[in-house]
Amino acid sequence: MTEPLVPAEIDLRDFEFMPLQVARLRDSDLAIEATGDEFRAAVLLWCTAWHQVPAGSLPDNDTALASYAGYGRGDVKSWMRVRTGALRGFVRCSDGRLYHPTIAEKAIEAWDGKLRLRHRRECERIKKAAQRAGATPVYPTFDDWRAHMERTGSDRWDVPAVSQGASPGTSKGQEQGQLRDVPGESLPLKGQGIGDSGEGQETGEESSSPDGEVDTPVGVPPCPHTEIVAVYHEVLPEWRRIVELNETRKSLLRARWRSKPARQDLGWWRRFFGYVRKSPFLMGQEHDEHRRPFEGDLEWLVRPTNFAKVIEGKYHAPEGGEA
């Protein structure tokens, strides 16, 4: 059975806003095929799943689902008439809960943004403490801070500032003055406010070191973004070209590159793009009169849910298997 799509600790109950990709919903099978009652129930269930723990999940209990879908606990019979359509896309995982891959994807992104905001605020605290002490602040990387928080349950980083020179946690060759800016403080983060607390639903793209360079996990080669794009253009010339390699696209590529050692090789990416070519649907060769041919691009391909579906062979004849 499928493992839960969202870690158990992800709690977004203080997030008033849930991202909604308009085109993605508009062109979905749900929007095209569901009845009005099914569509209404589905949207209500999405909203409920966003505020469940883990976020993006629902209990596999029809009495509860009937209530969440607007039918009340006593009208399970009406709920059962729309159940199949309303739960389109949800999968039952090994923890006994129902998960929607798209909502799970957005929940993980939102949680990551929430943690990055907390990391930035802790770096701001470190900066102020160092200023009061007349010392140079030394900031933890996002990954180090997150590991510390998960280990101790506290987001407070108590490594002392240093009075001069660089420290073991700084980049080679940095001067004292280069450490004074809080990582990411000059970069506007995406998102909206959360409730009355004043916190933001920001989602940063990658953790950064104090000098602005992206942190790469130990033992993982840096992601060759430009080379991957070049291979993509070569193998899939029919797909939309990447004109601007922005931070969103770089972040998505980095995440897929780091996810498995086998993927940290340009040869794997060449085979992967070649595997995409074998799908008539992905190449726009298979469609009906009610739908436009599929038009893909690299950003769509490396988004977590789409990437997983391609890897699992969902768009191919039953051959399956990773590239």
Protein backbone atom coordinates (compact mmCIF):
# COMPACT_ATOMS: atom_id res chain seq x y z
CA MET A 1 0.00 0.00 0.00
CA THR A 2 1.16 3.55 -0.71
CA GLU A 3 3.04 5.34 2.05
CA PRO A 4 1.40 8.57 3.34
CA LEU A 5 1.98 11.40 0.85
CA VAL A 6 2.56 13.97 3.61
CA PRO A 7 4.73 13.61 6.75
CA ALA A 8 2.66 13.19 9.91
CA GLU A 9 3.88 16.44 11.50
CA ILE A 10 2.65 18.79 8.76
CA ASP A 11 -0.01 20.99 10.34
CA LEU A 12 -1.44 23.92 8.35
CA ARG A 13 -4.42 24.74 10.54
CA ASP A 14 -3.15 28.32 10.88
CA PHE A 15 -3.08 28.73 7.09
CA GLU A 16 -6.29 30.48 6.06
CA PHE A 17 -5.43 30.31 2.36
CA MET A 18 -5.02 27.23 0.16
CA PRO A 19 -3.30 27.67 -3.25
CA LEU A 20 -5.55 27.05 -6.24
CA GLN A 21 -4.07 26.72 -9.74
CA VAL A 22 -6.91 28.00 -11.89
CA ALA A 23 -5.95 26.39 -15.20
CA ARG A 24 -5.14 23.10 -13.51
CA LEU A 25 -8.61 22.93 -11.96
CA ARG A 26 -10.41 24.28 -15.03
CA ASP A 27 -8.88 21.63 -17.29
CA SER A 28 -9.16 18.76 -14.80
CA ASP A 29 -11.27 15.64 -15.29
CA LEU A 30 -13.24 16.64 -12.20
CA ALA A 31 -14.31 19.97 -13.71
CA ILE A 32 -15.24 18.32 -17.01
CA GLU A 33 -16.93 15.13 -15.83
CA ALA A 34 -18.28 15.67 -12.29
CA THR A 35 -21.86 16.62 -11.53
CA GLY A 36 -22.55 19.87 -9.72
CA ASP A 37 -23.11 18.07 -6.42
CA GLU A 38 -19.92 16.04 -6.85
CA PHE A 39 -17.89 19.15 -7.65
CA ARG A 40 -19.27 21.04 -4.64
CA ALA A 41 -18.53 18.13 -2.31
CA ALA A 42 -15.02 17.74 -3.75
CA VAL A 43 -14.11 21.38 -3.12
CA LEU A 44 -15.43 21.20 0.45
CA LEU A 45 -13.35 18.08 1.03
CA TRP A 46 -10.23 19.80 -0.34
CA CYS A 47 -10.75 22.64 2.14
CA THR A 48 -11.21 20.16 4.97
CA ALA A 49 -8.11 18.19 3.96
CA TRP A 50 -6.02 21.39 4.01
CA HIS A 51 -6.75 21.81 7.73
CA GLN A 52 -6.48 18.15 8.74
CA VAL A 53 -3.33 16.67 10.28
CA PRO A 54 -1.43 15.60 8.27
CA ALA A 55 -2.46 18.36 5.86
CA GLY A 56 -3.83 17.10 2.56
CA SER A 57 -5.51 14.06 4.09
CA LEU A 58 -8.97 12.91 5.19
CA PRO A 59 -10.21 10.12 7.46
CA ASP A 60 -11.56 7.10 5.60
CA ASN A 61 -14.87 7.32 7.43
CA ASP A 62 -18.09 7.96 5.52
CA THR A 63 -19.91 9.49 8.48
CA ALA A 64 -17.16 12.10 8.86
CA LEU A 65 -16.81 12.59 5.11
CA ALA A 66 -20.55 13.15 4.73
CA SER A 67 -20.35 15.92 7.31
CA TYR A 68 -17.24 17.50 5.74
CA ALA A 69 -18.94 17.41 2.31
CA GLY A 70 -21.93 19.34 3.58
CA TYR A 71 -24.42 16.51 4.05
CA GLY A 72 -24.38 16.29 7.83
CA ARG A 73 -23.63 13.22 9.90
CA GLY A 74 -27.14 11.86 9.50
CA ASP A 75 -27.26 11.94 5.70
CA VAL A 76 -24.68 9.36 4.73
CA LYS A 77 -27.06 8.03 2.07
CA SER A 78 -26.90 11.30 0.07
CA TRP A 79 -23.14 11.38 0.52
CA MET A 80 -22.77 7.89 -0.93
CA ARG A 81 -24.41 9.08 -4.18
CA VAL A 82 -21.59 11.57 -4.79
CA ARG A 83 -18.76 9.75 -3.00
CA THR A 84 -16.93 8.41 -6.06
CA GLY A 85 -16.89 11.73 -7.90
CA ALA A 86 -16.15 13.83 -4.81
CA LEU A 87 -13.16 11.66 -3.85
CA ARG A 88 -11.69 11.67 -7.37
CA GLY A 89 -7.92 11.76 -7.06
CA PHE A 90 -7.77 10.70 -3.40
CA VAL A 91 -5.80 7.54 -2.61
CA ARG A 92 -5.89 5.44 0.55
CA CYS A 93 -2.45 5.16 2.15
CA SER A 94 -0.90 2.80 4.67
CA ASP A 95 -1.91 4.97 7.65
CA GLY A 96 -5.57 4.40 6.77
CA ARG A 97 -6.17 7.97 5.61
CA LEU A 98 -7.11 9.35 2.19
CA TYR A 99 -4.63 11.70 0.48
CA HIS A 100 -5.02 13.89 -2.58
CA PRO A 101 -1.66 14.12 -4.43
CA THR A 102 -2.16 17.73 -5.57
CA ILE A 103 -3.22 18.98 -2.14
CA ALA A 104 -0.37 16.99 -0.60
CA GLU A 105 2.08 18.65 -3.00
CA LYS A 106 0.83 22.12 -2.06
CA ALA A 107 0.80 21.26 1.65
CA ILE A 108 4.45 20.19 1.56
CA GLU A 109 5.38 23.40 -0.28
CA ALA A 110 3.45 25.50 2.26
CA TRP A 111 5.06 23.68 5.21
CA ASP A 112 8.49 24.21 3.74
CA GLY A 113 7.71 27.91 3.36
CA LYS A 114 6.50 28.08 6.94
CA LEU A 115 9.73 26.53 8.21
CA ARG A 116 11.85 28.83 6.05
CA LEU A 117 10.07 31.83 7.53
CA ARG A 118 10.80 30.55 11.04
CA HIS A 119 14.45 29.98 10.04
CA ARG A 120 14.71 33.52 8.74
CA ARG A 121 13.20 34.91 11.95
CA GLU A 122 15.67 32.92 14.02
CA CYS A 123 18.50 34.35 11.90
CA GLU A 124 17.11 37.84 12.56
CA ARG A 125 17.19 37.08 16.30
CA ILE A 126 20.79 35.88 15.99
CA LYS A 127 21.69 39.07 14.12
CA LYS A 128 20.19 41.33 16.79
CA ALA A 129 21.87 39.39 19.59
CA ALA A 130 25.23 39.67 17.82
CA GLN A 131 24.76 43.40 17.28
CA ARG A 132 24.10 43.91 20.99
CA ALA A 133 27.25 41.94 21.80
CA GLY A 134 29.36 43.73 19.18
CA ALA A 135 30.07 40.41 17.49
CA THR A 136 29.71 38.88 14.04
CA PRO A 137 26.58 36.76 13.64
CA VAL A 138 26.96 33.20 12.37
CA TYR A 139 23.80 31.82 10.82
CA PRO A 140 22.82 28.15 10.58
CA THR A 141 21.93 26.84 7.16
CA PHE A 142 18.28 25.99 6.73
CA ASP A 143 19.03 22.25 6.67
CA ASP A 144 21.13 22.42 9.86
CA TRP A 145 18.51 24.51 11.63
CA ARG A 146 15.70 22.17 10.57
CA ALA A 147 17.61 19.09 11.74
CA HIS A 148 18.26 20.83 15.07
CA MET A 149 14.56 21.71 15.43
CA GLU A 150 13.42 18.16 14.64
CA ARG A 151 15.97 16.74 17.08
CA THR A 152 15.31 19.13 19.99
CA GLY A 153 11.77 20.38 19.39
CA SER A 154 13.05 23.97 19.61
CA ASP A 155 13.66 26.40 16.75
CA ARG A 156 16.17 28.39 18.84
CA TRP A 157 19.75 28.09 17.59
CA ASP A 158 22.14 28.75 20.46
CA VAL A 159 25.52 28.63 18.71
CA PRO A 160 27.27 31.84 19.88
CA ALA A 161 28.34 34.61 17.54
CA VAL A 162 32.06 35.18 16.98
CA SER A 163 33.85 38.43 17.58
CA GLN A 164 36.03 38.42 14.51
CA GLY A 165 36.94 36.46 11.37
CA ALA A 166 35.08 33.59 9.81
CA SER A 167 33.74 30.58 11.66
CA PRO A 168 33.51 26.89 10.76
CA GLY A 169 29.94 27.51 9.60
CA THR A 170 30.85 30.17 7.05
CA SER A 171 31.86 29.86 3.45
CA LYS A 172 35.54 29.73 2.66
CA GLY A 173 37.12 33.14 2.19
CA GLN A 174 34.26 35.21 3.62
CA GLU A 175 35.14 38.39 5.41
CA GLN A 176 33.59 39.44 8.70
CA GLY A 177 31.28 42.04 7.17
CA GLN A 178 29.81 39.56 4.69
CA LEU A 179 28.04 37.68 7.48
CA ARG A 180 25.92 40.57 8.71
CA ASP A 181 22.93 40.14 6.41
CA VAL A 182 20.24 37.68 7.43
CA PRO A 183 19.95 34.92 4.79
CA GLY A 184 17.10 35.69 2.42
CA GLU A 185 16.04 38.94 4.10
CA SER A 186 16.37 40.95 0.89
CA LEU A 187 14.39 38.41 -1.14
CA PRO A 188 10.59 38.84 -1.09
CA LEU A 189 8.89 35.53 -0.36
CA LYS A 190 5.69 34.41 -2.03
CA GLY A 191 2.47 34.00 -0.10
CA GLN A 192 -0.28 35.56 1.93
CA GLY A 193 -0.87 36.37 5.58
CA ILE A 194 -2.19 33.80 8.00
CA GLY A 195 -5.08 34.77 10.25
CA ASP A 196 -4.51 37.25 13.03
CA SER A 197 -1.07 36.06 13.99
CA GLY A 198 0.68 38.13 11.36
CA GLU A 199 2.70 35.17 10.14
CA GLY A 200 3.06 34.70 6.39
CA GLN A 201 2.32 31.78 4.14
CA GLU A 202 5.62 32.36 2.43
CA THR A 203 7.31 29.71 0.35
CA GLY A 204 11.02 30.21 -0.32
CA GLU A 205 12.64 28.30 -3.13
CA GLU A 206 15.85 26.98 -1.54
CA SER A 207 17.87 27.36 1.60
CA SER A 208 20.76 29.76 1.24
CA SER A 209 24.04 30.28 2.98
CA PRO A 210 24.77 33.77 4.38
CA ASP A 211 26.59 34.74 1.19
CA GLY A 212 23.54 33.94 -0.91
CA GLU A 213 24.72 30.65 -2.39
CA VAL A 214 22.33 27.70 -2.40
CA ASP A 215 23.23 25.04 0.14
CA THR A 216 23.96 21.62 -1.36
CA PRO A 217 23.71 18.56 0.91
CA VAL A 218 27.04 16.91 1.69
CA GLY A 219 27.93 14.27 -0.89
CA VAL A 220 25.41 15.46 -3.49
CA PRO A 221 26.86 17.03 -6.64
CA PRO A 222 25.41 20.45 -7.53
CA CYS A 223 22.48 20.32 -9.93
CA PRO A 224 23.62 21.25 -13.48
CA HIS A 225 20.47 23.21 -14.33
CA THR A 226 21.71 24.58 -17.66
CA GLU A 227 22.96 21.21 -18.89
CA ILE A 228 19.65 19.52 -18.02
CA VAL A 229 17.75 22.20 -19.93
CA ALA A 230 20.05 21.70 -22.93
CA VAL A 231 19.36 17.94 -22.90
CA TYR A 232 15.63 18.66 -22.58
CA HIS A 233 15.72 20.92 -25.65
CA GLU A 234 17.69 18.31 -27.58
CA VAL A 235 15.51 15.29 -26.76
CA LEU A 236 12.12 17.03 -26.64
CA PRO A 237 12.29 19.79 -29.27
CA GLU A 238 8.49 19.59 -29.72
CA TRP A 239 7.90 20.73 -26.14
CA ARG A 240 7.92 24.41 -25.16
CA ARG A 241 11.41 25.86 -24.87
CA ILE A 242 12.77 27.21 -21.62
CA VAL A 243 13.69 30.82 -22.29
CA GLU A 244 14.23 31.92 -18.70
CA LEU A 245 15.72 29.56 -16.13
CA ASN A 246 14.23 31.29 -13.09
CA GLU A 247 14.55 30.30 -9.43
CA THR A 248 11.28 28.37 -9.40
CA ARG A 249 12.49 26.14 -12.23
CA LYS A 250 15.94 25.77 -10.69
CA SER A 251 14.38 24.78 -7.38
CA LEU A 252 12.17 22.14 -8.99
CA LEU A 253 15.12 20.70 -10.91
CA ARG A 254 17.29 20.64 -7.77
CA ALA A 255 14.63 18.78 -5.83
CA ARG A 256 14.29 16.07 -8.48
CA TRP A 257 18.11 15.89 -8.92
CA ARG A 258 18.64 15.35 -5.18
CA SER A 259 15.78 12.88 -4.69
CA LYS A 260 17.78 9.79 -5.75
CA PRO A 261 21.49 9.17 -6.43
CA ALA A 262 20.66 7.65 -9.83
CA ARG A 263 19.14 10.96 -10.92
CA GLN A 264 22.37 12.85 -10.20
CA ASP A 265 23.64 12.03 -13.67
CA LEU A 266 22.93 13.71 -17.01
CA GLY A 267 22.63 10.30 -18.65
CA TRP A 268 19.64 9.54 -16.45
CA TRP A 269 17.96 12.76 -17.54
CA ARG A 270 18.59 11.96 -21.21
CA ARG A 271 16.95 8.55 -20.71
CA PHE A 272 14.11 10.14 -18.77
CA PHE A 273 13.33 12.66 -21.53
CA GLY A 274 13.57 9.79 -24.02
CA TYR A 275 11.03 7.89 -21.92
CA VAL A 276 8.69 10.89 -22.12
CA ARG A 277 8.97 10.74 -25.93
CA LYS A 278 7.51 7.22 -25.86
CA SER A 279 4.16 8.48 -24.56
CA PRO A 280 1.72 9.36 -27.37
CA PHE A 281 -0.30 11.42 -24.91
CA LEU A 282 2.66 13.48 -23.65
CA MET A 283 3.79 14.08 -27.23
CA GLY A 284 0.34 15.43 -28.16
CA GLN A 285 -0.42 12.53 -30.50
CA GLU A 286 -3.31 11.07 -28.51
CA HIS A 287 -6.38 13.19 -27.78
CA ASP A 288 -10.11 13.36 -28.47
CA GLU A 289 -12.29 15.94 -30.17
CA HIS A 290 -13.24 17.56 -26.87
CA ARG A 291 -9.70 18.26 -25.73
CA ARG A 292 -6.68 20.04 -27.12
CA PRO A 293 -3.52 17.97 -27.64
CA PHE A 294 -1.29 17.99 -24.59
CA GLU A 295 1.50 20.60 -24.68
CA GLY A 296 4.24 20.02 -22.15
CA ASP A 297 7.18 21.96 -20.80
CA LEU A 298 10.03 21.25 -18.41
CA GLU A 299 8.48 23.09 -15.47
CA TRP A 300 5.30 20.98 -15.72
CA LEU A 301 7.38 17.82 -16.01
CA VAL A 302 9.48 18.34 -12.87
CA ARG A 303 6.65 19.35 -10.55
CA PRO A 304 6.41 16.59 -7.92
CA THR A 305 3.02 15.09 -8.82
CA ASN A 306 3.57 15.18 -12.59
CA PHE A 307 7.11 13.83 -12.27
CA ALA A 308 5.87 10.92 -10.15
CA LYS A 309 3.09 10.10 -12.61
CA VAL A 310 5.53 10.02 -15.53
CA ILE A 311 8.02 7.89 -13.57
CA GLU A 312 5.22 5.47 -12.64
CA GLY A 313 4.18 5.12 -16.28
CA LYS A 314 0.75 6.70 -15.85
CA TYR A 315 0.99 8.33 -19.30
CA HIS A 316 2.39 5.27 -21.05
CA ALA A 317 1.17 1.88 -22.19
CA PRO A 318 1.48 -0.65 -19.32
CA GLU A 319 5.23 -1.06 -19.25
CA GLY A 320 5.91 0.96 -16.09
CA GLY A 321 9.24 1.49 -14.51
CA GLU A 322 11.56 4.40 -13.94
CA ALA A 323 13.66 5.72 -16.78
